[in-house]
């Protein structure tokens, strides 16, 4: 066999291994065997854990809307969501489920965002002098 043929063969094997990168070798071989023989074998898919950086998540929550927050937080584990609640100074019970914690965080950051938008609108609409003049009851 020539080296060129070996290189081509290795690239094909590499493509096959890429398909099974999240499985064990035993699971890969069972699946290949089932496809060759026609006998079904179920594989356990390994669920990838989402990268968790508390500071990044908190920054994301501050700038996102409610629906995006719910979608983003759904990929995290309950313990991670609890740590986000703690960092956000939210009080919660340990017995609360993941969905209720996500809703609590989404509501909290949605209100913070709404308050910021309202204060920006107010400060952009009124100047300090206009506010001082309008608060004078004798004018």
C-alpha atoms as a PDB file:
ATOM      1  CA  UNK A   1       0.000   0.000   0.000  1.00  0.00           C
ATOM      2  CA  UNK A   2       1.257   3.452  -0.843  1.00  0.00           C
ATOM      3  CA  UNK A   3       1.336   6.322   1.648  1.00  0.00           C
ATOM      4  CA  UNK A   4      -1.125   8.317  -0.472  1.00  0.00           C
ATOM      5  CA  UNK A   5      -3.714   5.528  -0.108  1.00  0.00           C
ATOM      6  CA  UNK A   6      -3.088   5.397   3.630  1.00  0.00           C
ATOM      7  CA  UNK A   7      -3.641   9.164   3.906  1.00  0.00           C
ATOM      8  CA  UNK A   8      -6.971   8.849   2.068  1.00  0.00           C
ATOM      9  CA  UNK A   9      -8.002   5.955   4.289  1.00  0.00           C
ATOM     10  CA  UNK A  10      -7.102   7.869   7.468  1.00  0.00           C
ATOM     11  CA  UNK A  11      -9.157  10.883   6.338  1.00  0.00           C
ATOM     12  CA  UNK A  12     -12.211   8.626   5.851  1.00  0.00           C
ATOM     13  CA  UNK A  13     -11.688   7.073   9.300  1.00  0.00           C
ATOM     14  CA  UNK A  14     -11.272  10.558  10.756  1.00  0.00           C
ATOM     15  CA  UNK A  15     -14.666  11.588   9.348  1.00  0.00           C
ATOM     16  CA  UNK A  16     -16.275   8.509  10.901  1.00  0.00           C
ATOM     17  CA  UNK A  17     -14.628   9.181  14.273  1.00  0.00           C
ATOM     18  CA  UNK A  18     -15.851  12.789  14.170  1.00  0.00           C
ATOM     19  CA  UNK A  19     -19.459  11.540  14.033  1.00  0.00           C
ATOM     20  CA  UNK A  20     -18.900   9.519  17.220  1.00  0.00           C
ATOM     21  CA  UNK A  21     -16.729  12.023  19.095  1.00  0.00           C
ATOM     22  CA  UNK A  22     -19.115  12.233  22.096  1.00  0.00           C
ATOM     23  CA  UNK A  23     -19.462   8.447  22.464  1.00  0.00           C
ATOM     24  CA  UNK A  24     -17.227   5.710  23.769  1.00  0.00           C
ATOM     25  CA  UNK A  25     -15.373   3.404  21.391  1.00  0.00           C
ATOM     26  CA  UNK A  26     -17.616   0.510  22.461  1.00  0.00           C
ATOM     27  CA  UNK A  27     -20.760   2.505  21.610  1.00  0.00           C
ATOM     28  CA  UNK A  28     -19.272   3.501  18.260  1.00  0.00           C
ATOM     29  CA  UNK A  29     -18.452  -0.093  17.343  1.00  0.00           C
ATOM     30  CA  UNK A  30     -21.904  -1.319  18.410  1.00  0.00           C
ATOM     31  CA  UNK A  31     -23.560   1.348  16.279  1.00  0.00           C
ATOM     32  CA  UNK A  32     -21.410   0.558  13.239  1.00  0.00           C
ATOM     33  CA  UNK A  33     -22.127  -3.161  13.740  1.00  0.00           C
ATOM     34  CA  UNK A  34     -25.871  -2.480  13.971  1.00  0.00           C
ATOM     35  CA  UNK A  35     -25.771  -0.465  10.737  1.00  0.00           C
ATOM     36  CA  UNK A  36     -23.861  -3.183   8.912  1.00  0.00           C
ATOM     37  CA  UNK A  37     -26.031  -6.061  10.171  1.00  0.00           C
ATOM     38  CA  UNK A  38     -29.332  -4.166  10.297  1.00  0.00           C
ATOM     39  CA  UNK A  39     -29.908  -4.917  14.001  1.00  0.00           C
ATOM     40  CA  UNK A  40     -30.888  -1.755  15.932  1.00  0.00           C
ATOM     41  CA  UNK A  41     -28.792  -0.702  18.920  1.00  0.00           C
ATOM     42  CA  UNK A  42     -29.597   2.407  20.963  1.00  0.00           C
ATOM     43  CA  UNK A  43     -26.818   4.782  21.859  1.00  0.00           C
ATOM     44  CA  UNK A  44     -26.643   7.002  24.891  1.00  0.00           C
ATOM     45  CA  UNK A  45     -25.918  10.530  23.771  1.00  0.00           C
ATOM     46  CA  UNK A  46     -23.695  12.491  26.104  1.00  0.00           C
ATOM     47  CA  UNK A  47     -25.283  15.832  26.916  1.00  0.00           C
ATOM     48  CA  UNK A  48     -22.763  18.610  26.537  1.00  0.00           C
ATOM     49  CA  UNK A  49     -22.541  20.930  29.532  1.00  0.00           C
ATOM     50  CA  UNK A  50     -22.805  24.592  28.717  1.00  0.00           C
ATOM     51  CA  UNK A  51     -19.741  26.686  29.538  1.00  0.00           C
ATOM     52  CA  UNK A  52     -20.432  28.639  32.734  1.00  0.00           C
ATOM     53  CA  UNK A  53     -18.757  31.937  33.550  1.00  0.00           C
ATOM     54  CA  UNK A  54     -20.761  33.830  36.175  1.00  0.00           C
ATOM     55  CA  UNK A  55     -19.515  37.284  35.153  1.00  0.00           C
ATOM     56  CA  UNK A  56     -20.315  36.681  31.480  1.00  0.00           C
ATOM     57  CA  UNK A  57     -23.778  35.410  32.331  1.00  0.00           C
ATOM     58  CA  UNK A  58     -24.544  38.412  34.543  1.00  0.00           C
ATOM     59  CA  UNK A  59     -23.447  40.820  31.799  1.00  0.00           C
ATOM     60  CA  UNK A  60     -25.614  38.956  29.296  1.00  0.00           C
ATOM     61  CA  UNK A  61     -28.629  39.146  31.608  1.00  0.00           C
ATOM     62  CA  UNK A  62     -28.247  42.899  32.018  1.00  0.00           C
ATOM     63  CA  UNK A  63     -28.440  43.509  28.275  1.00  0.00           C
ATOM     64  CA  UNK A  64     -31.015  40.936  27.157  1.00  0.00           C
ATOM     65  CA  UNK A  65     -34.781  40.809  26.996  1.00  0.00           C
ATOM     66  CA  UNK A  66     -36.913  38.350  28.948  1.00  0.00           C
ATOM     67  CA  UNK A  67     -37.345  35.725  26.220  1.00  0.00           C
ATOM     68  CA  UNK A  68     -33.626  35.631  25.437  1.00  0.00           C
ATOM     69  CA  UNK A  69     -32.831  35.277  29.133  1.00  0.00           C
ATOM     70  CA  UNK A  70     -35.177  32.304  29.529  1.00  0.00           C
ATOM     71  CA  UNK A  71     -33.737  30.593  26.457  1.00  0.00           C
ATOM     72  CA  UNK A  72     -30.137  31.244  27.518  1.00  0.00           C
ATOM     73  CA  UNK A  73     -30.565  30.061  31.105  1.00  0.00           C
ATOM     74  CA  UNK A  74     -32.381  26.863  30.121  1.00  0.00           C
ATOM     75  CA  UNK A  75     -29.058  25.328  29.097  1.00  0.00           C
ATOM     76  CA  UNK A  76     -27.582  25.602  32.586  1.00  0.00           C
ATOM     77  CA  UNK A  77     -27.904  23.234  35.530  1.00  0.00           C
ATOM     78  CA  UNK A  78     -29.981  24.146  38.574  1.00  0.00           C
ATOM     79  CA  UNK A  79     -26.907  24.700  40.778  1.00  0.00           C
ATOM     80  CA  UNK A  80     -25.507  27.153  38.257  1.00  0.00           C
ATOM     81  CA  UNK A  81     -28.810  29.023  38.122  1.00  0.00           C
ATOM     82  CA  UNK A  82     -28.869  29.130  41.918  1.00  0.00           C
ATOM     83  CA  UNK A  83     -25.413  30.723  41.894  1.00  0.00           C
ATOM     84  CA  UNK A  84     -26.674  33.332  39.408  1.00  0.00           C
ATOM     85  CA  UNK A  85     -29.625  34.084  41.723  1.00  0.00           C
ATOM     86  CA  UNK A  86     -27.262  34.450  44.677  1.00  0.00           C
ATOM     87  CA  UNK A  87     -24.966  36.768  42.721  1.00  0.00           C
ATOM     88  CA  UNK A  88     -28.020  38.821  41.714  1.00  0.00           C
ATOM     89  CA  UNK A  89     -29.050  39.144  45.389  1.00  0.00           C
ATOM     90  CA  UNK A  90     -32.321  37.302  44.805  1.00  0.00           C
ATOM     91  CA  UNK A  91     -33.853  35.371  47.672  1.00  0.00           C
ATOM     92  CA  UNK A  92     -35.080  31.892  46.764  1.00  0.00           C
ATOM     93  CA  UNK A  93     -35.965  28.620  48.444  1.00  0.00           C
ATOM     94  CA  UNK A  94     -33.810  25.553  47.825  1.00  0.00           C
ATOM     95  CA  UNK A  95     -36.919  23.566  46.941  1.00  0.00           C
ATOM     96  CA  UNK A  96     -37.756  25.799  43.967  1.00  0.00           C
ATOM     97  CA  UNK A  97     -37.327  24.119  40.623  1.00  0.00           C
ATOM     98  CA  UNK A  98     -35.128  25.243  37.771  1.00  0.00           C
ATOM     99  CA  UNK A  99     -37.976  26.756  35.732  1.00  0.00           C
ATOM    100  CA  UNK A 100     -39.189  28.952  38.589  1.00  0.00           C
ATOM    101  CA  UNK A 101     -35.640  30.169  39.246  1.00  0.00           C
ATOM    102  CA  UNK A 102     -35.210  31.032  35.570  1.00  0.00           C
ATOM    103  CA  UNK A 103     -38.525  32.925  35.603  1.00  0.00           C
ATOM    104  CA  UNK A 104     -37.453  34.787  38.720  1.00  0.00           C
ATOM    105  CA  UNK A 105     -34.178  35.851  37.091  1.00  0.00           C
ATOM    106  CA  UNK A 106     -35.887  36.798  33.826  1.00  0.00           C
ATOM    107  CA  UNK A 107     -38.474  38.918  35.653  1.00  0.00           C
ATOM    108  CA  UNK A 108     -35.809  40.566  37.787  1.00  0.00           C
ATOM    109  CA  UNK A 109     -33.558  41.544  34.892  1.00  0.00           C
ATOM    110  CA  UNK A 110     -36.539  42.541  32.753  1.00  0.00           C
ATOM    111  CA  UNK A 111     -37.620  45.000  35.480  1.00  0.00           C
ATOM    112  CA  UNK A 112     -34.078  46.332  35.859  1.00  0.00           C
ATOM    113  CA  UNK A 113     -33.919  46.889  32.107  1.00  0.00           C
ATOM    114  CA  UNK A 114     -37.329  48.562  32.100  1.00  0.00           C
ATOM    115  CA  UNK A 115     -36.339  50.880  34.943  1.00  0.00           C
ATOM    116  CA  UNK A 116     -33.120  51.835  33.151  1.00  0.00           C
ATOM    117  CA  UNK A 117     -34.998  52.574  29.939  1.00  0.00           C
ATOM    118  CA  UNK A 118     -37.536  54.701  31.808  1.00  0.00           C
ATOM    119  CA  UNK A 119     -34.846  56.693  33.595  1.00  0.00           C
ATOM    120  CA  UNK A 120     -32.976  57.237  30.322  1.00  0.00           C
ATOM    121  CA  UNK A 121     -36.156  58.402  28.633  1.00  0.00           C
ATOM    122  CA  UNK A 122     -36.888  60.793  31.481  1.00  0.00           C
ATOM    123  CA  UNK A 123     -33.361  62.194  31.573  1.00  0.00           C
ATOM    124  CA  UNK A 124     -33.265  62.594  27.795  1.00  0.00           C
ATOM    125  CA  UNK A 125     -36.663  64.292  27.708  1.00  0.00           C
ATOM    126  CA  UNK A 126     -36.198  66.753  30.549  1.00  0.00           C
ATOM    127  CA  UNK A 127     -33.197  68.864  31.359  1.00  0.00           C
ATOM    128  CA  UNK A 128     -32.247  69.540  34.971  1.00  0.00           C
ATOM    129  CA  UNK A 129     -33.367  73.173  34.687  1.00  0.00           C
ATOM    130  CA  UNK A 130     -36.802  72.187  33.373  1.00  0.00           C
ATOM    131  CA  UNK A 131     -37.267  69.774  36.264  1.00  0.00           C
ATOM    132  CA  UNK A 132     -36.220  72.446  38.799  1.00  0.00           C
ATOM    133  CA  UNK A 133     -38.604  75.008  37.289  1.00  0.00           C
ATOM    134  CA  UNK A 134     -41.530  72.608  37.133  1.00  0.00           C
ATOM    135  CA  UNK A 135     -41.088  71.612  40.764  1.00  0.00           C
ATOM    136  CA  UNK A 136     -41.354  75.238  41.939  1.00  0.00           C
ATOM    137  CA  UNK A 137     -45.012  75.571  43.097  1.00  0.00           C
ATOM    138  CA  UNK A 138     -44.928  79.397  43.082  1.00  0.00           C
ATOM    139  CA  UNK A 139     -44.409  79.841  39.348  1.00  0.00           C
END
